[in-house]
């Protein structure tokens, strides 16, 4: 008598084990592309208006390039904080990459003249908040997993 064993041909990935690069790298890259390619290395041009929206008060609301990039950064920070609540095995690696991104932000802010703008500084602060929030959430969830008797 023989038995037939059927093995699945594909593995179902476990939920929460997918690695995602820090999302704040998107505004970092967009800032560098814009300031070096379009603004010629001059960070003052972030205040240039892109468009304006007429408001019910009668005054226009002017949107600058810096405002738009900061909105992208805030949205990325929101999703980074959501990602930090996961307790997957690779979350420590994601925290390390977030810390590395903050260090790159800090070095560029201190050493590169094109990064000496309030837009870049606020993006760097968002990166710092991402690092602190990620480690805080990890430490808090780890302390709940450990029980002392």
N, C-alpha and C. Protein backbone atom coordinates (compact mmCIF):
# COMPACT_ATOMS: atom_id res chain seq x y z
N UNK A 1 0.83 -1.15 0.00
CA UNK A 1 0.00 0.00 0.00
C UNK A 1 0.90 1.24 0.00
N UNK A 2 0.58 2.19 -0.85
CA UNK A 2 1.37 3.42 -0.93
C UNK A 2 0.50 4.61 -0.56
N UNK A 3 1.15 5.59 0.00
CA UNK A 3 0.46 6.82 0.36
C UNK A 3 0.98 7.95 -0.50
N UNK A 4 0.10 8.82 -0.88
CA UNK A 4 0.48 9.96 -1.68
C UNK A 4 0.46 11.21 -0.80
N UNK A 5 1.57 11.92 -0.83
CA UNK A 5 1.67 13.16 -0.07
C UNK A 5 1.73 14.31 -1.07
N UNK A 6 0.83 15.27 -0.90
CA UNK A 6 0.78 16.41 -1.80
C UNK A 6 1.38 17.60 -1.06
N UNK A 7 2.42 18.16 -1.62
CA UNK A 7 3.06 19.33 -1.03
C UNK A 7 2.61 20.58 -1.79
N UNK A 8 2.36 21.65 -1.07
CA UNK A 8 1.97 22.88 -1.77
C UNK A 8 3.14 23.41 -2.59
N UNK A 9 2.82 23.98 -3.73
CA UNK A 9 3.86 24.48 -4.63
C UNK A 9 4.30 25.90 -4.30
N UNK A 10 3.51 26.59 -3.52
CA UNK A 10 3.89 27.96 -3.15
C UNK A 10 3.70 28.15 -1.66
N UNK A 11 4.53 29.01 -1.11
CA UNK A 11 4.42 29.31 0.32
C UNK A 11 3.56 30.55 0.50
N UNK A 12 2.72 30.50 1.48
CA UNK A 12 1.91 31.66 1.81
C UNK A 12 2.74 32.52 2.76
N UNK A 13 3.06 33.77 2.37
CA UNK A 13 3.89 34.59 3.25
C UNK A 13 3.15 34.94 4.53
N UNK A 14 3.92 34.98 5.62
CA UNK A 14 3.32 35.36 6.89
C UNK A 14 3.05 36.84 6.92
N UNK A 15 1.96 37.19 7.53
CA UNK A 15 1.58 38.60 7.63
C UNK A 15 2.51 39.30 8.61
N UNK A 16 2.99 40.47 8.23
CA UNK A 16 3.82 41.25 9.14
C UNK A 16 5.31 41.01 8.97
N UNK A 17 5.73 40.12 8.11
CA UNK A 17 7.15 39.86 7.92
C UNK A 17 7.71 40.49 6.66
N UNK A 18 6.98 41.37 6.03
CA UNK A 18 7.50 42.02 4.84
C UNK A 18 8.29 43.25 5.26
N UNK A 19 9.42 43.43 4.63
CA UNK A 19 10.29 44.55 4.95
C UNK A 19 9.95 45.73 4.04
N UNK A 20 9.78 46.87 4.64
CA UNK A 20 9.50 48.10 3.90
C UNK A 20 10.54 49.13 4.32
N UNK A 21 11.18 49.75 3.35
CA UNK A 21 12.16 50.78 3.67
C UNK A 21 11.47 51.94 4.37
N UNK A 22 12.22 52.74 5.12
CA UNK A 22 11.59 53.90 5.77
C UNK A 22 10.93 54.81 4.74
N UNK A 23 9.67 55.12 4.96
CA UNK A 23 8.92 55.91 3.99
C UNK A 23 9.38 57.36 3.92
N UNK A 24 10.07 57.83 4.96
CA UNK A 24 10.56 59.20 4.94
C UNK A 24 11.73 59.38 3.97
N UNK A 25 12.18 58.29 3.36
CA UNK A 25 13.20 58.41 2.33
C UNK A 25 12.61 59.07 1.08
N UNK A 26 11.29 58.97 0.91
CA UNK A 26 10.64 59.59 -0.26
C UNK A 26 10.77 61.11 -0.24
N UNK A 27 10.37 61.81 0.85
CA UNK A 27 10.57 63.26 0.84
C UNK A 27 12.05 63.65 0.84
N UNK A 28 12.92 62.82 1.43
CA UNK A 28 14.36 63.08 1.41
C UNK A 28 14.88 63.10 -0.03
N UNK A 29 14.50 62.09 -0.79
CA UNK A 29 14.94 62.01 -2.19
C UNK A 29 14.30 63.12 -3.02
N UNK A 30 13.00 63.37 -2.80
CA UNK A 30 12.33 64.45 -3.54
C UNK A 30 12.97 65.81 -3.25
N UNK A 31 13.33 66.06 -2.01
CA UNK A 31 13.99 67.32 -1.66
C UNK A 31 15.30 67.46 -2.43
N UNK A 32 16.12 66.42 -2.38
CA UNK A 32 17.43 66.49 -3.04
C UNK A 32 17.30 66.61 -4.55
N UNK A 33 16.36 65.91 -5.14
CA UNK A 33 16.15 66.03 -6.59
C UNK A 33 15.73 67.45 -6.94
N UNK A 34 14.76 67.97 -6.19
CA UNK A 34 14.25 69.31 -6.50
C UNK A 34 15.31 70.39 -6.27
N UNK A 35 16.02 70.32 -5.15
CA UNK A 35 16.95 71.41 -4.83
C UNK A 35 18.17 71.40 -5.74
N UNK A 36 18.62 70.23 -6.16
CA UNK A 36 19.82 70.20 -7.00
C UNK A 36 19.50 70.27 -8.49
N UNK A 37 18.40 69.66 -8.92
CA UNK A 37 18.09 69.68 -10.35
C UNK A 37 17.28 70.91 -10.77
N UNK A 38 16.29 71.27 -9.97
CA UNK A 38 15.39 72.35 -10.38
C UNK A 38 15.74 73.70 -9.79
N UNK A 39 16.29 73.72 -8.57
CA UNK A 39 16.57 74.99 -7.90
C UNK A 39 18.04 75.38 -7.98
N UNK A 40 18.87 74.57 -8.59
CA UNK A 40 20.29 74.90 -8.74
C UNK A 40 21.04 74.96 -7.43
N UNK A 41 20.65 74.19 -6.44
CA UNK A 41 21.32 74.16 -5.16
C UNK A 41 20.95 75.31 -4.24
N UNK A 42 19.93 76.07 -4.58
CA UNK A 42 19.52 77.23 -3.78
C UNK A 42 18.27 76.85 -2.96
N UNK A 43 18.41 76.72 -1.63
CA UNK A 43 17.26 76.31 -0.83
C UNK A 43 16.22 77.40 -0.64
N UNK A 44 16.51 78.62 -1.04
CA UNK A 44 15.55 79.72 -0.87
C UNK A 44 14.34 79.54 -1.76
N UNK A 45 14.47 78.81 -2.85
CA UNK A 45 13.39 78.66 -3.82
C UNK A 45 12.23 77.80 -3.32
N UNK A 46 12.33 77.22 -2.12
CA UNK A 46 11.22 76.44 -1.59
C UNK A 46 10.03 77.31 -1.27
N UNK A 47 10.25 78.61 -1.13
CA UNK A 47 9.15 79.52 -0.85
C UNK A 47 8.40 79.97 -2.09
N UNK A 48 8.85 79.54 -3.26
CA UNK A 48 8.18 79.93 -4.51
C UNK A 48 6.80 79.28 -4.58
N UNK A 49 5.82 80.05 -4.96
CA UNK A 49 4.45 79.55 -5.03
C UNK A 49 4.24 78.62 -6.21
N UNK A 50 3.54 77.54 -5.97
CA UNK A 50 3.19 76.61 -7.05
C UNK A 50 1.83 76.96 -7.64
N UNK A 51 0.85 77.13 -6.76
CA UNK A 51 -0.49 77.49 -7.19
C UNK A 51 -1.23 78.09 -6.01
N UNK A 52 -2.38 78.66 -6.28
CA UNK A 52 -3.19 79.21 -5.19
C UNK A 52 -4.62 78.74 -5.34
N UNK A 53 -5.27 78.61 -4.20
CA UNK A 53 -6.66 78.15 -4.16
C UNK A 53 -7.50 79.28 -3.59
N UNK A 54 -8.54 79.70 -4.32
CA UNK A 54 -9.40 80.76 -3.76
C UNK A 54 -10.21 80.22 -2.58
N UNK A 55 -10.22 80.98 -1.50
CA UNK A 55 -10.93 80.58 -0.28
C UNK A 55 -12.26 81.33 -0.20
N UNK A 56 -13.22 80.81 0.57
CA UNK A 56 -14.50 81.50 0.72
C UNK A 56 -14.37 82.89 1.33
N UNK A 57 -13.27 83.15 2.04
CA UNK A 57 -13.07 84.48 2.63
C UNK A 57 -12.71 85.53 1.59
N UNK A 58 -12.38 85.07 0.38
CA UNK A 58 -12.00 85.99 -0.67
C UNK A 58 -10.50 86.08 -0.87
N UNK A 59 -9.73 85.61 0.08
CA UNK A 59 -8.27 85.63 -0.03
C UNK A 59 -7.78 84.32 -0.63
N UNK A 60 -6.75 84.37 -1.47
CA UNK A 60 -6.22 83.12 -2.02
C UNK A 60 -5.28 82.44 -1.02
N UNK A 61 -5.27 81.12 -1.06
CA UNK A 61 -4.36 80.33 -0.25
C UNK A 61 -3.24 79.87 -1.17
N UNK A 62 -2.04 80.40 -0.98
CA UNK A 62 -0.91 80.09 -1.84
C UNK A 62 -0.18 78.86 -1.31
N UNK A 63 0.02 77.88 -2.18
CA UNK A 63 0.74 76.66 -1.83
C UNK A 63 2.14 76.76 -2.42
N UNK A 64 3.16 76.60 -1.57
CA UNK A 64 4.54 76.63 -2.05
C UNK A 64 5.05 75.21 -2.23
N UNK A 65 6.19 75.10 -2.87
CA UNK A 65 6.81 73.79 -3.07
C UNK A 65 7.19 73.18 -1.72
N UNK A 66 7.66 74.00 -0.80
CA UNK A 66 8.01 73.51 0.53
C UNK A 66 6.80 72.98 1.29
N UNK A 67 5.67 73.69 1.16
CA UNK A 67 4.44 73.23 1.82
C UNK A 67 4.03 71.86 1.29
N UNK A 68 4.10 71.69 0.00
CA UNK A 68 3.71 70.43 -0.62
C UNK A 68 4.62 69.29 -0.17
N UNK A 69 5.92 69.56 -0.09
CA UNK A 69 6.86 68.53 0.35
C UNK A 69 6.66 68.19 1.83
N UNK A 70 6.33 69.18 2.63
CA UNK A 70 6.07 68.91 4.05
C UNK A 70 4.82 68.07 4.23
N UNK A 71 3.81 68.26 3.40
CA UNK A 71 2.61 67.42 3.47
C UNK A 71 2.97 65.98 3.12
N UNK A 72 3.82 65.79 2.11
CA UNK A 72 4.27 64.44 1.76
C UNK A 72 5.01 63.82 2.95
N UNK A 73 5.84 64.62 3.63
CA UNK A 73 6.57 64.13 4.79
C UNK A 73 5.66 63.77 5.95
N UNK A 74 4.63 64.56 6.18
CA UNK A 74 3.69 64.27 7.28
C UNK A 74 2.92 62.99 7.00
N UNK A 75 2.50 62.80 5.76
CA UNK A 75 1.80 61.56 5.40
C UNK A 75 2.73 60.36 5.57
N UNK A 76 3.99 60.50 5.15
CA UNK A 76 4.96 59.41 5.32
C UNK A 76 5.20 59.14 6.80
N UNK A 77 5.28 60.18 7.61
CA UNK A 77 5.46 60.00 9.06
C UNK A 77 4.28 59.26 9.66
N UNK A 78 3.07 59.57 9.23
CA UNK A 78 1.89 58.87 9.72
C UNK A 78 2.00 57.36 9.47
N UNK A 79 2.37 56.99 8.24
CA UNK A 79 2.48 55.57 7.92
C UNK A 79 3.68 54.92 8.62
N UNK A 80 4.73 55.69 8.87
CA UNK A 80 5.86 55.16 9.63
C UNK A 80 5.46 54.84 11.07
N UNK A 81 4.68 55.71 11.68
CA UNK A 81 4.22 55.45 13.05
C UNK A 81 3.30 54.22 13.06
N UNK A 82 2.46 54.08 12.05
CA UNK A 82 1.63 52.87 11.96
C UNK A 82 2.49 51.62 11.81
N UNK A 83 3.55 51.72 11.00
CA UNK A 83 4.45 50.57 10.83
C UNK A 83 5.15 50.21 12.12
N UNK A 84 5.46 51.20 12.95
CA UNK A 84 6.22 50.93 14.17
C UNK A 84 5.39 50.18 15.20
N UNK A 85 4.08 50.10 15.04
CA UNK A 85 3.25 49.37 15.99
C UNK A 85 3.27 47.88 15.74
N UNK A 86 3.82 47.45 14.62
CA UNK A 86 3.92 46.02 14.34
C UNK A 86 5.10 45.44 15.11
N UNK A 87 4.92 44.25 15.61
CA UNK A 87 6.00 43.60 16.36
C UNK A 87 6.53 42.41 15.57
N UNK A 88 6.89 42.64 14.34
CA UNK A 88 7.44 41.57 13.51
C UNK A 88 8.93 41.41 13.83
N UNK A 89 9.49 40.35 13.35
CA UNK A 89 10.89 40.04 13.60
C UNK A 89 11.81 41.08 12.96
N UNK A 90 11.44 41.60 11.81
CA UNK A 90 12.31 42.54 11.10
C UNK A 90 12.07 43.99 11.51
N UNK A 91 11.27 44.24 12.54
CA UNK A 91 11.01 45.62 12.95
C UNK A 91 12.27 46.28 13.50
N UNK A 92 13.16 45.51 14.11
CA UNK A 92 14.42 46.07 14.61
C UNK A 92 15.26 46.56 13.45
N UNK A 93 15.29 45.83 12.36
CA UNK A 93 16.04 46.25 11.18
C UNK A 93 15.43 47.53 10.60
N UNK A 94 14.10 47.61 10.59
CA UNK A 94 13.45 48.83 10.10
C UNK A 94 13.77 50.02 11.00
N UNK A 95 13.85 49.80 12.31
CA UNK A 95 14.23 50.88 13.22
C UNK A 95 15.66 51.33 12.97
N UNK A 96 16.53 50.38 12.69
CA UNK A 96 17.93 50.74 12.41
C UNK A 96 18.03 51.56 11.12
N UNK A 97 17.26 51.19 10.11
CA UNK A 97 17.27 51.97 8.88
C UNK A 97 16.67 53.36 9.08
N UNK A 98 15.66 53.46 9.94
CA UNK A 98 15.11 54.78 10.25
C UNK A 98 16.15 55.64 10.96
N UNK A 99 16.92 55.03 11.86
CA UNK A 99 17.99 55.76 12.55
C UNK A 99 19.07 56.17 11.56
N UNK A 100 19.42 55.30 10.64
CA UNK A 100 20.40 55.63 9.62
C UNK A 100 19.92 56.78 8.75
N UNK A 101 18.64 56.78 8.39
CA UNK A 101 18.08 57.87 7.59
C UNK A 101 18.14 59.19 8.37
N UNK A 102 17.86 59.16 9.67
CA UNK A 102 17.97 60.38 10.47
C UNK A 102 19.41 60.88 10.49
N UNK A 103 20.38 59.99 10.62
CA UNK A 103 21.79 60.40 10.63
C UNK A 103 22.16 61.03 9.29
N UNK A 104 21.67 60.47 8.19
CA UNK A 104 21.93 61.05 6.87
C UNK A 104 21.29 62.44 6.77
N UNK A 105 20.05 62.57 7.27
CA UNK A 105 19.40 63.89 7.32
C UNK A 105 20.28 64.88 8.09
N UNK A 106 20.74 64.49 9.26
CA UNK A 106 21.51 65.38 10.13
C UNK A 106 22.84 65.78 9.48
N UNK A 107 23.53 64.82 8.90
CA UNK A 107 24.81 65.13 8.25
C UNK A 107 24.60 66.07 7.08
N UNK A 108 23.57 65.80 6.26
CA UNK A 108 23.32 66.68 5.12
C UNK A 108 22.90 68.07 5.59
N UNK A 109 22.10 68.15 6.65
CA UNK A 109 21.68 69.45 7.16
C UNK A 109 22.87 70.27 7.64
N UNK A 110 23.82 69.63 8.28
CA UNK A 110 24.97 70.34 8.84
C UNK A 110 26.04 70.66 7.80
N UNK A 111 26.19 69.83 6.79
CA UNK A 111 27.33 69.97 5.89
C UNK A 111 27.02 70.43 4.48
N UNK A 112 25.78 70.32 4.03
CA UNK A 112 25.43 70.67 2.65
C UNK A 112 24.64 71.98 2.68
N UNK A 113 25.11 72.96 1.94
CA UNK A 113 24.46 74.26 1.92
C UNK A 113 23.05 74.23 1.38
N UNK A 114 22.77 73.35 0.44
CA UNK A 114 21.44 73.28 -0.16
C UNK A 114 20.41 72.72 0.81
N UNK A 115 20.86 72.12 1.91
CA UNK A 115 19.94 71.56 2.90
C UNK A 115 19.69 72.52 4.06
N UNK A 116 20.22 73.72 3.97
CA UNK A 116 20.04 74.67 5.08
C UNK A 116 18.75 75.48 4.88
N UNK A 117 17.65 74.78 4.96
CA UNK A 117 16.34 75.44 4.84
C UNK A 117 15.42 74.89 5.92
N UNK A 118 14.39 75.64 6.21
CA UNK A 118 13.44 75.18 7.22
C UNK A 118 12.66 73.97 6.74
N UNK A 119 12.47 73.83 5.43
CA UNK A 119 11.78 72.64 4.90
C UNK A 119 12.59 71.39 5.21
N UNK A 120 13.88 71.43 4.94
CA UNK A 120 14.72 70.27 5.21
C UNK A 120 14.81 70.01 6.71
N UNK A 121 14.91 71.08 7.50
CA UNK A 121 14.97 70.92 8.95
C UNK A 121 13.71 70.23 9.48
N UNK A 122 12.54 70.64 9.00
CA UNK A 122 11.30 70.01 9.46
C UNK A 122 11.20 68.56 9.01
N UNK A 123 11.70 68.24 7.82
CA UNK A 123 11.75 66.85 7.38
C UNK A 123 12.68 66.04 8.28
N UNK A 124 13.80 66.66 8.70
CA UNK A 124 14.72 65.99 9.60
C UNK A 124 14.07 65.75 10.97
N UNK A 125 13.30 66.70 11.46
CA UNK A 125 12.58 66.53 12.73
C UNK A 125 11.56 65.40 12.60
N UNK A 126 10.90 65.30 11.45
CA UNK A 126 9.96 64.19 11.24
C UNK A 126 10.69 62.86 11.31
N UNK A 127 11.90 62.81 10.76
CA UNK A 127 12.69 61.59 10.81
C UNK A 127 13.08 61.26 12.26
N UNK A 128 13.42 62.28 13.04
CA UNK A 128 13.74 62.06 14.45
C UNK A 128 12.52 61.54 15.20
N UNK A 129 11.36 62.10 14.95
CA UNK A 129 10.13 61.64 15.59
C UNK A 129 9.85 60.19 15.21
N UNK A 130 10.12 59.83 13.96
CA UNK A 130 9.95 58.44 13.52
C UNK A 130 10.85 57.51 14.32
N UNK A 131 12.11 57.89 14.51
CA UNK A 131 13.05 57.05 15.26
C UNK A 131 12.60 56.91 16.71
N UNK A 132 12.28 58.04 17.35
CA UNK A 132 11.89 58.00 18.76
C UNK A 132 10.58 57.22 18.94
N UNK A 133 9.61 57.45 18.07
CA UNK A 133 8.33 56.74 18.17
C UNK A 133 8.52 55.24 17.94
N UNK A 134 9.35 54.88 16.98
CA UNK A 134 9.57 53.46 16.70
C UNK A 134 10.19 52.73 17.88
N UNK A 135 11.23 53.32 18.46
CA UNK A 135 11.87 52.66 19.61
C UNK A 135 10.97 52.69 20.84
N UNK A 136 10.22 53.77 21.03
CA UNK A 136 9.31 53.84 22.17
C UNK A 136 8.23 52.79 22.08
N UNK A 137 7.65 52.63 20.91
CA UNK A 137 6.60 51.62 20.74
C UNK A 137 7.18 50.22 20.92
N UNK A 138 8.37 49.98 20.40
CA UNK A 138 8.99 48.66 20.55
C UNK A 138 9.30 48.35 22.01
N UNK A 139 9.85 49.32 22.72
CA UNK A 139 10.18 49.09 24.13
C UNK A 139 8.92 48.89 24.95
N UNK A 140 7.88 49.68 24.67
CA UNK A 140 6.63 49.55 25.42
C UNK A 140 5.99 48.19 25.16
N UNK A 141 5.97 47.75 23.92
CA UNK A 141 5.35 46.45 23.63
C UNK A 141 6.21 45.31 24.16
N UNK A 142 7.53 45.47 24.18
CA UNK A 142 8.39 44.42 24.73
C UNK A 142 8.22 44.31 26.24
N UNK A 143 8.03 45.44 26.91
CA UNK A 143 7.83 45.38 28.36
C UNK A 143 6.51 44.73 28.73
N UNK A 144 5.53 44.80 27.84
CA UNK A 144 4.25 44.14 28.10
C UNK A 144 4.35 42.63 27.87
N UNK A 145 5.29 42.22 27.00
CA UNK A 145 5.46 40.80 26.73
C UNK A 145 6.21 40.08 27.83
N UNK A 146 6.99 40.78 28.62
CA UNK A 146 7.79 40.18 29.68
C UNK A 146 7.02 40.26 30.99
N UNK A 147 6.87 39.15 31.64
CA UNK A 147 6.19 39.15 32.94
C UNK A 147 7.17 38.71 34.00
N UNK A 148 7.22 39.47 35.07
CA UNK A 148 8.12 39.17 36.18
C UNK A 148 7.33 38.47 37.29
N UNK A 149 7.86 37.36 37.77
CA UNK A 149 7.21 36.64 38.88
C UNK A 149 8.09 36.68 40.09
